[in-house]
Amino acid sequence: MPSLLTAMPLLALLTFCYATLCAASPFGACRKCEGWGHKIRQTRTGRLKRGRECRRCRGYGRRLRFGRRLFNTASRMRHEGTR
């Protein structure tokens, strides 16, 4: 039981840091295209060439973080519930 009590402040700190990150920078790099917005292909000669745009991020290279998506959903529900 003492280990749970010592872990609680650490978990609270990590949660606060992630919430601050989501507020300051709501978008992160796309994991599929690694933030490029498209797939990098290599030709037969070894030259790098731009491929098709990424379907996950639609070519922007950015994605909405999970915490920000959660915050937006909660805000939308609160807004619709107080009408």
PDB file of N, CA and C in Angstrom:
ATOM      1  N   MET A   1       0.805  -1.206   0.000  1.00  0.00           N
ATOM      2  CA  MET A   1       0.000   0.000   0.000  1.00  0.00           C
ATOM      3  C   MET A   1       0.850   1.273   0.000  1.00  0.00           C
ATOM      4  N   PRO A   2       1.981   1.311   0.707  1.00  0.00           N
ATOM      5  CA  PRO A   2       2.792   2.542   0.686  1.00  0.00           C
ATOM      6  C   PRO A   2       3.293   2.887  -0.701  1.00  0.00           C
ATOM      7  N   SER A   3       3.511   1.883  -1.560  1.00  0.00           N
ATOM      8  CA  SER A   3       3.999   2.189  -2.895  1.00  0.00           C
ATOM      9  C   SER A   3       2.949   2.944  -3.712  1.00  0.00           C
ATOM     10  N   LEU A   4       1.669   2.660  -3.459  1.00  0.00           N
ATOM     11  CA  LEU A   4       0.594   3.378  -4.145  1.00  0.00           C
ATOM     12  C   LEU A   4       0.562   4.842  -3.706  1.00  0.00           C
ATOM     13  N   LEU A   5       0.786   5.082  -2.437  1.00  0.00           N
ATOM     14  CA  LEU A   5       0.787   6.458  -1.931  1.00  0.00           C
ATOM     15  C   LEU A   5       1.973   7.249  -2.460  1.00  0.00           C
ATOM     16  N   THR A   6       3.089   6.603  -2.682  1.00  0.00           N
ATOM     17  CA  THR A   6       4.239   7.322  -3.221  1.00  0.00           C
ATOM     18  C   THR A   6       4.122   7.520  -4.728  1.00  0.00           C
ATOM     19  N   ALA A   7       3.350   6.671  -5.389  1.00  0.00           N
ATOM     20  CA  ALA A   7       3.195   6.785  -6.841  1.00  0.00           C
ATOM     21  C   ALA A   7       2.146   7.835  -7.232  1.00  0.00           C
ATOM     22  N   MET A   8       1.225   8.141  -6.358  1.00  0.00           N
ATOM     23  CA  MET A   8       0.145   9.082  -6.678  1.00  0.00           C
ATOM     24  C   MET A   8       0.643  10.481  -7.057  1.00  0.00           C
ATOM     25  N   PRO A   9       1.581  11.079  -6.310  1.00  0.00           N
ATOM     26  CA  PRO A   9       2.062  12.403  -6.736  1.00  0.00           C
ATOM     27  C   PRO A   9       2.768  12.366  -8.088  1.00  0.00           C
ATOM     28  N   LEU A  10       3.481  11.278  -8.364  1.00  0.00           N
ATOM     29  CA  LEU A  10       4.154  11.144  -9.654  1.00  0.00           C
ATOM     30  C   LEU A  10       3.142  11.040 -10.791  1.00  0.00           C
ATOM     31  N   LEU A  11       2.089  10.250 -10.586  1.00  0.00           N
ATOM     32  CA  LEU A  11       1.045  10.136 -11.607  1.00  0.00           C
ATOM     33  C   LEU A  11       0.314  11.459 -11.812  1.00  0.00           C
ATOM     34  N   ALA A  12       0.073  12.181 -10.736  1.00  0.00           N
ATOM     35  CA  ALA A  12      -0.578  13.488 -10.840  1.00  0.00           C
ATOM     36  C   ALA A  12       0.307  14.472 -11.609  1.00  0.00           C
ATOM     37  N   LEU A  13       1.603  14.422 -11.348  1.00  0.00           N
ATOM     38  CA  LEU A  13       2.539  15.300 -12.051  1.00  0.00           C
ATOM     39  C   LEU A  13       2.589  14.968 -13.546  1.00  0.00           C
ATOM     40  N   LEU A  14       2.637  13.681 -13.882  1.00  0.00           N
ATOM     41  CA  LEU A  14       2.653  13.270 -15.291  1.00  0.00           C
ATOM     42  C   LEU A  14       1.369  13.688 -16.010  1.00  0.00           C
ATOM     43  N   THR A  15       0.242  13.536 -15.327  1.00  0.00           N
ATOM     44  CA  THR A  15      -1.038  13.941 -15.913  1.00  0.00           C
ATOM     45  C   THR A  15      -1.076  15.447 -16.153  1.00  0.00           C
ATOM     46  N   PHE A  16      -0.590  16.212 -15.183  1.00  0.00           N
ATOM     47  CA  PHE A  16      -0.551  17.668 -15.332  1.00  0.00           C
ATOM     48  C   PHE A  16       0.360  18.080 -16.487  1.00  0.00           C
ATOM     49  N   CYS A  17       1.517  17.425 -16.610  1.00  0.00           N
ATOM     50  CA  CYS A  17       2.454  17.748 -17.690  1.00  0.00           C
ATOM     51  C   CYS A  17       1.840  17.426 -19.061  1.00  0.00           C
ATOM     52  N   TYR A  18       1.151  16.291 -19.170  1.00  0.00           N
ATOM     53  CA  TYR A  18       0.533  15.932 -20.446  1.00  0.00           C
ATOM     54  C   TYR A  18      -0.614  16.890 -20.787  1.00  0.00           C
ATOM     55  N   ALA A  19      -1.385  17.291 -19.790  1.00  0.00           N
ATOM     56  CA  ALA A  19      -2.465  18.252 -20.026  1.00  0.00           C
ATOM     57  C   ALA A  19      -1.902  19.592 -20.486  1.00  0.00           C
ATOM     58  N   THR A  20      -0.794  20.015 -19.894  1.00  0.00           N
ATOM     59  CA  THR A  20      -0.138  21.258 -20.308  1.00  0.00           C
ATOM     60  C   THR A  20       0.381  21.137 -21.741  1.00  0.00           C
ATOM     61  N   LEU A  21       0.963  20.005 -22.079  1.00  0.00           N
ATOM     62  CA  LEU A  21       1.445  19.779 -23.442  1.00  0.00           C
ATOM     63  C   LEU A  21       0.294  19.829 -24.449  1.00  0.00           C
ATOM     64  N   CYS A  22      -0.830  19.205 -24.117  1.00  0.00           N
ATOM     65  CA  CYS A  22      -1.984  19.210 -25.021  1.00  0.00           C
ATOM     66  C   CYS A  22      -2.567  20.613 -25.183  1.00  0.00           C
ATOM     67  N   ALA A  23      -2.494  21.423 -24.129  1.00  0.00           N
ATOM     68  CA  ALA A  23      -3.005  22.788 -24.220  1.00  0.00           C
ATOM     69  C   ALA A  23      -2.064  23.669 -25.033  1.00  0.00           C
ATOM     70  N   ALA A  24      -0.766  23.489 -24.847  1.00  0.00           N
ATOM     71  CA  ALA A  24       0.211  24.336 -25.536  1.00  0.00           C
ATOM     72  C   ALA A  24       0.408  23.912 -26.992  1.00  0.00           C
ATOM     73  N   SER A  25       0.422  22.620 -27.241  1.00  0.00           N
ATOM     74  CA  SER A  25       0.659  22.104 -28.589  1.00  0.00           C
ATOM     75  C   SER A  25      -0.331  20.972 -28.860  1.00  0.00           C
ATOM     76  N   PRO A  26      -1.533  21.302 -29.350  1.00  0.00           N
ATOM     77  CA  PRO A  26      -2.557  20.264 -29.512  1.00  0.00           C
ATOM     78  C   PRO A  26      -2.271  19.273 -30.640  1.00  0.00           C
ATOM     79  N   PHE A  27      -1.364  19.586 -31.534  1.00  0.00           N
ATOM     80  CA  PHE A  27      -1.069  18.697 -32.649  1.00  0.00           C
ATOM     81  C   PHE A  27       0.300  18.064 -32.488  1.00  0.00           C
ATOM     82  N   GLY A  28       0.405  16.788 -32.846  1.00  0.00           N
ATOM     83  CA  GLY A  28       1.672  16.066 -32.842  1.00  0.00           C
ATOM     84  C   GLY A  28       1.958  15.572 -34.246  1.00  0.00           C
ATOM     85  N   ALA A  29       3.146  15.051 -34.464  1.00  0.00           N
ATOM     86  CA  ALA A  29       3.506  14.529 -35.781  1.00  0.00           C
ATOM     87  C   ALA A  29       2.728  13.247 -36.054  1.00  0.00           C
ATOM     88  N   CYS A  30       2.328  13.060 -37.290  1.00  0.00           N
ATOM     89  CA  CYS A  30       1.617  11.851 -37.698  1.00  0.00           C
ATOM     90  C   CYS A  30       2.563  10.659 -37.556  1.00  0.00           C
ATOM     91  N   ARG A  31       2.058   9.574 -36.988  1.00  0.00           N
ATOM     92  CA  ARG A  31       2.915   8.410 -36.763  1.00  0.00           C
ATOM     93  C   ARG A  31       3.132   7.598 -38.030  1.00  0.00           C
ATOM     94  N   LYS A  32       2.234   7.698 -38.969  1.00  0.00           N
ATOM     95  CA  LYS A  32       2.369   6.894 -40.182  1.00  0.00           C
ATOM     96  C   LYS A  32       3.401   7.489 -41.141  1.00  0.00           C
ATOM     97  N   CYS A  33       3.329   8.782 -41.369  1.00  0.00           N
ATOM     98  CA  CYS A  33       4.254   9.421 -42.319  1.00  0.00           C
ATOM     99  C   CYS A  33       5.372  10.163 -41.598  1.00  0.00           C
ATOM    100  N   GLU A  34       5.401  10.087 -40.258  1.00  0.00           N
ATOM    101  CA  GLU A  34       6.422  10.725 -39.418  1.00  0.00           C
ATOM    102  C   GLU A  34       6.479  12.237 -39.608  1.00  0.00           C
ATOM    103  N   GLY A  35       5.343  12.857 -39.880  1.00  0.00           N
ATOM    104  CA  GLY A  35       5.263  14.307 -39.985  1.00  0.00           C
ATOM    105  C   GLY A  35       5.563  14.869 -41.365  1.00  0.00           C
ATOM    106  N   TRP A  36       5.835  14.023 -42.342  1.00  0.00           N
ATOM    107  CA  TRP A  36       6.146  14.506 -43.683  1.00  0.00           C
ATOM    108  C   TRP A  36       4.886  14.853 -44.471  1.00  0.00           C
ATOM    109  N   GLY A  37       3.790  14.163 -44.222  1.00  0.00           N
ATOM    110  CA  GLY A  37       2.558  14.414 -44.960  1.00  0.00           C
ATOM    111  C   GLY A  37       2.425  13.547 -46.198  1.00  0.00           C
ATOM    112  N   HIS A  38       3.464  12.824 -46.515  1.00  0.00           N
ATOM    113  CA  HIS A  38       3.449  11.930 -47.668  1.00  0.00           C
ATOM    114  C   HIS A  38       4.485  10.849 -47.458  1.00  0.00           C
ATOM    115  N   LYS A  39       4.373   9.816 -48.235  1.00  0.00           N
ATOM    116  CA  LYS A  39       5.328   8.729 -48.126  1.00  0.00           C
ATOM    117  C   LYS A  39       6.550   9.045 -48.990  1.00  0.00           C
ATOM    118  N   ILE A  40       7.726   8.803 -48.458  1.00  0.00           N
ATOM    119  CA  ILE A  40       8.968   9.021 -49.200  1.00  0.00           C
ATOM    120  C   ILE A  40       9.301   7.712 -49.928  1.00  0.00           C
ATOM    121  N   ARG A  41       9.427   7.793 -51.217  1.00  0.00           N
ATOM    122  CA  ARG A  41       9.791   6.617 -52.001  1.00  0.00           C
ATOM    123  C   ARG A  41      11.206   6.780 -52.521  1.00  0.00           C
ATOM    124  N   GLN A  42      11.799   5.672 -52.853  1.00  0.00           N
ATOM    125  CA  GLN A  42      13.139   5.683 -53.415  1.00  0.00           C
ATOM    126  C   GLN A  42      13.064   5.085 -54.823  1.00  0.00           C
ATOM    127  N   THR A  43      13.620   5.800 -55.805  1.00  0.00           N
ATOM    128  CA  THR A  43      13.600   5.297 -57.176  1.00  0.00           C
ATOM    129  C   THR A  43      14.667   4.224 -57.349  1.00  0.00           C
ATOM    130  N   ARG A  44      14.692   3.623 -58.512  1.00  0.00           N
ATOM    131  CA  ARG A  44      15.686   2.571 -58.765  1.00  0.00           C
ATOM    132  C   ARG A  44      17.109   3.104 -58.721  1.00  0.00           C
ATOM    133  N   THR A  45      17.268   4.380 -59.025  1.00  0.00           N
ATOM    134  CA  THR A  45      18.611   4.970 -58.993  1.00  0.00           C
ATOM    135  C   THR A  45      19.023   5.401 -57.591  1.00  0.00           C
ATOM    136  N   GLY A  46      18.097   5.323 -56.625  1.00  0.00           N
ATOM    137  CA  GLY A  46      18.425   5.689 -55.252  1.00  0.00           C
ATOM    138  C   GLY A  46      18.002   7.087 -54.870  1.00  0.00           C
ATOM    139  N   ARG A  47      17.424   7.826 -55.813  1.00  0.00           N
ATOM    140  CA  ARG A  47      16.971   9.188 -55.528  1.00  0.00           C
ATOM    141  C   ARG A  47      15.668   9.146 -54.733  1.00  0.00           C
ATOM    142  N   LEU A  48      15.524  10.018 -53.760  1.00  0.00           N
ATOM    143  CA  LEU A  48      14.295  10.081 -52.973  1.00  0.00           C
ATOM    144  C   LEU A  48      13.247  10.873 -53.738  1.00  0.00           C
ATOM    145  N   LYS A  49      12.007  10.389 -53.681  1.00  0.00           N
ATOM    146  CA  LYS A  49      10.936  11.010 -54.433  1.00  0.00           C
ATOM    147  C   LYS A  49       9.687  11.060 -53.557  1.00  0.00           C
ATOM    148  N   ARG A  50       8.933  12.115 -53.720  1.00  0.00           N
ATOM    149  CA  ARG A  50       7.703  12.268 -52.960  1.00  0.00           C
ATOM    150  C   ARG A  50       6.650  11.298 -53.487  1.00  0.00           C
ATOM    151  N   GLY A  51       6.005  10.587 -52.565  1.00  0.00           N
ATOM    152  CA  GLY A  51       4.955   9.648 -52.938  1.00  0.00           C
ATOM    153  C   GLY A  51       3.580  10.248 -52.743  1.00  0.00           C
ATOM    154  N   ARG A  52       2.594   9.376 -52.593  1.00  0.00           N
ATOM    155  CA  ARG A  52       1.220   9.842 -52.381  1.00  0.00           C
ATOM    156  C   ARG A  52       1.075  10.482 -51.007  1.00  0.00           C
ATOM    157  N   GLU A  53       0.057  11.316 -50.852  1.00  0.00           N
ATOM    158  CA  GLU A  53      -0.141  11.940 -49.551  1.00  0.00           C
ATOM    159  C   GLU A  53      -0.681  10.916 -48.560  1.00  0.00           C
ATOM    160  N   CYS A  54      -0.379  11.144 -47.323  1.00  0.00           N
ATOM    161  CA  CYS A  54      -0.750  10.228 -46.246  1.00  0.00           C
ATOM    162  C   CYS A  54      -2.261  10.244 -46.061  1.00  0.00           C
ATOM    163  N   ARG A  55      -2.844   9.055 -45.952  1.00  0.00           N
ATOM    164  CA  ARG A  55      -4.293   8.982 -45.774  1.00  0.00           C
ATOM    165  C   ARG A  55      -4.714   9.314 -44.357  1.00  0.00           C
ATOM    166  N   ARG A  56      -3.860   9.028 -43.390  1.00  0.00           N
ATOM    167  CA  ARG A  56      -4.220   9.254 -41.990  1.00  0.00           C
ATOM    168  C   ARG A  56      -4.312  10.740 -41.663  1.00  0.00           C
ATOM    169  N   CYS A  57      -3.349  11.523 -42.128  1.00  0.00           N
ATOM    170  CA  CYS A  57      -3.333  12.958 -41.803  1.00  0.00           C
ATOM    171  C   CYS A  57      -3.755  13.820 -42.991  1.00  0.00           C
ATOM    172  N   ARG A  58      -4.104  13.199 -44.096  1.00  0.00           N
ATOM    173  CA  ARG A  58      -4.540  13.885 -45.326  1.00  0.00           C
ATOM    174  C   ARG A  58      -3.493  14.854 -45.864  1.00  0.00           C
ATOM    175  N   GLY A  59      -2.225  14.522 -45.679  1.00  0.00           N
ATOM    176  CA  GLY A  59      -1.149  15.320 -46.249  1.00  0.00           C
ATOM    177  C   GLY A  59      -0.666  16.464 -45.391  1.00  0.00           C
ATOM    178  N   TYR A  60      -1.221  16.639 -44.190  1.00  0.00           N
ATOM    179  CA  TYR A  60      -0.796  17.737 -43.327  1.00  0.00           C
ATOM    180  C   TYR A  60       0.418  17.377 -42.487  1.00  0.00           C
ATOM    181  N   GLY A  61       0.595  16.099 -42.180  1.00  0.00           N
ATOM    182  CA  GLY A  61       1.720  15.678 -41.364  1.00  0.00           C
ATOM    183  C   GLY A  61       1.496  15.851 -39.881  1.00  0.00           C
ATOM    184  N   ARG A  62       0.326  16.314 -39.487  1.00  0.00           N
ATOM    185  CA  ARG A  62       0.016  16.545 -38.081  1.00  0.00           C
ATOM    186  C   ARG A  62      -1.233  15.768 -37.720  1.00  0.00           C
ATOM    187  N   ARG A  63      -1.352  15.401 -36.446  1.00  0.00           N
ATOM    188  CA  ARG A  63      -2.542  14.731 -35.937  1.00  0.00           C
ATOM    189  C   ARG A  63      -2.920  15.352 -34.605  1.00  0.00           C
ATOM    190  N   LEU A  64      -4.180  15.263 -34.254  1.00  0.00           N
ATOM    191  CA  LEU A  64      -4.652  15.794 -32.982  1.00  0.00           C
ATOM    192  C   LEU A  64      -4.290  14.816 -31.870  1.00  0.00           C
ATOM    193  N   ARG A  65      -3.689  15.304 -30.804  1.00  0.00           N
ATOM    194  CA  ARG A  65      -3.293  14.437 -29.696  1.00  0.00           C
ATOM    195  C   ARG A  65      -4.521  13.861 -29.000  1.00  0.00           C
ATOM    196  N   PHE A  66      -4.338  12.693 -28.380  1.00  0.00           N
ATOM    197  CA  PHE A  66      -5.447  12.007 -27.717  1.00  0.00           C
ATOM    198  C   PHE A  66      -6.032  12.863 -26.589  1.00  0.00           C
ATOM    199  N   GLY A  67      -5.194  13.479 -25.791  1.00  0.00           N
ATOM    200  CA  GLY A  67      -5.674  14.307 -24.685  1.00  0.00           C
ATOM    201  C   GLY A  67      -6.476  15.501 -25.169  1.00  0.00           C
ATOM    202  N   ARG A  68      -6.055  16.096 -26.277  1.00  0.00           N
ATOM    203  CA  ARG A  68      -6.792  17.236 -26.822  1.00  0.00           C
ATOM    204  C   ARG A  68      -8.135  16.785 -27.390  1.00  0.00           C
ATOM    205  N   ARG A  69      -8.148  15.601 -28.010  1.00  0.00           N
ATOM    206  CA  ARG A  69      -9.399  15.053 -28.528  1.00  0.00           C
ATOM    207  C   ARG A  69     -10.375  14.795 -27.384  1.00  0.00           C
ATOM    208  N   LEU A  70      -9.856  14.291 -26.254  1.00  0.00           N
ATOM    209  CA  LEU A  70     -10.672  14.054 -25.068  1.00  0.00           C
ATOM    210  C   LEU A  70     -11.218  15.380 -24.524  1.00  0.00           C
ATOM    211  N   PHE A  71     -10.369  16.401 -24.463  1.00  0.00           N
ATOM    212  CA  PHE A  71     -10.792  17.717 -23.985  1.00  0.00           C
ATOM    213  C   PHE A  71     -11.865  18.316 -24.892  1.00  0.00           C
ATOM    214  N   ASN A  72     -11.683  18.203 -26.215  1.00  0.00           N
ATOM    215  CA  ASN A  72     -12.675  18.744 -27.145  1.00  0.00           C
ATOM    216  C   ASN A  72     -14.016  18.039 -26.998  1.00  0.00           C
ATOM    217  N   THR A  73     -14.004  16.719 -26.815  1.00  0.00           N
ATOM    218  CA  THR A  73     -15.245  15.967 -26.637  1.00  0.00           C
ATOM    219  C   THR A  73     -15.951  16.385 -25.358  1.00  0.00           C
ATOM    220  N   ALA A  74     -15.194  16.519 -24.259  1.00  0.00           N
ATOM    221  CA  ALA A  74     -15.786  16.933 -22.985  1.00  0.00           C
ATOM    222  C   ALA A  74     -16.354  18.349 -23.083  1.00  0.00           C
ATOM    223  N   SER A  75     -15.651  19.237 -23.743  1.00  0.00           N
ATOM    224  CA  SER A  75     -16.140  20.613 -23.904  1.00  0.00           C
ATOM    225  C   SER A  75     -17.411  20.653 -24.741  1.00  0.00           C
ATOM    226  N   ARG A  76     -17.431  19.860 -25.808  1.00  0.00           N
ATOM    227  CA  ARG A  76     -18.614  19.811 -26.669  1.00  0.00           C
ATOM    228  C   ARG A  76     -19.818  19.250 -25.906  1.00  0.00           C
ATOM    229  N   MET A  77     -19.599  18.186 -25.116  1.00  0.00           N
ATOM    230  CA  MET A  77     -20.692  17.608 -24.329  1.00  0.00           C
ATOM    231  C   MET A  77     -21.207  18.589 -23.293  1.00  0.00           C
ATOM    232  N   ARG A  78     -20.315  19.320 -22.647  1.00  0.00           N
ATOM    233  CA  ARG A  78     -20.727  20.303 -21.651  1.00  0.00           C
ATOM    234  C   ARG A  78     -21.509  21.439 -22.315  1.00  0.00           C
ATOM    235  N   HIS A  79     -21.031  21.881 -23.479  1.00  0.00           N
ATOM    236  CA  HIS A  79     -21.714  22.958 -24.190  1.00  0.00           C
ATOM    237  C   HIS A  79     -23.121  22.538 -24.609  1.00  0.00           C
ATOM    238  N   GLU A  80     -23.251  21.316 -25.128  1.00  0.00           N
ATOM    239  CA  GLU A  80     -24.562  20.838 -25.566  1.00  0.00           C
ATOM    240  C   GLU A  80     -25.477  20.539 -24.384  1.00  0.00           C
ATOM    241  N   GLY A  81     -24.897  20.168 -23.226  1.00  0.00           N
ATOM    242  CA  GLY A  81     -25.696  19.846 -22.057  1.00  0.00           C
ATOM    243  C   GLY A  81     -26.219  21.068 -21.324  1.00  0.00           C
ATOM    244  N   THR A  82     -25.587  22.214 -21.491  1.00  0.00           N
ATOM    245  CA  THR A  82     -26.010  23.417 -20.787  1.00  0.00           C
ATOM    246  C   THR A  82     -26.866  24.329 -21.638  1.00  0.00           C
ATOM    247  N   ARG A  83     -27.255  23.886 -22.794  1.00  0.00           N
ATOM    248  CA  ARG A  83     -28.115  24.713 -23.654  1.00  0.00           C
ATOM    249  C   ARG A  83     -29.511  24.770 -23.142  1.00  0.00           C
TER     250      ARG A  83
END
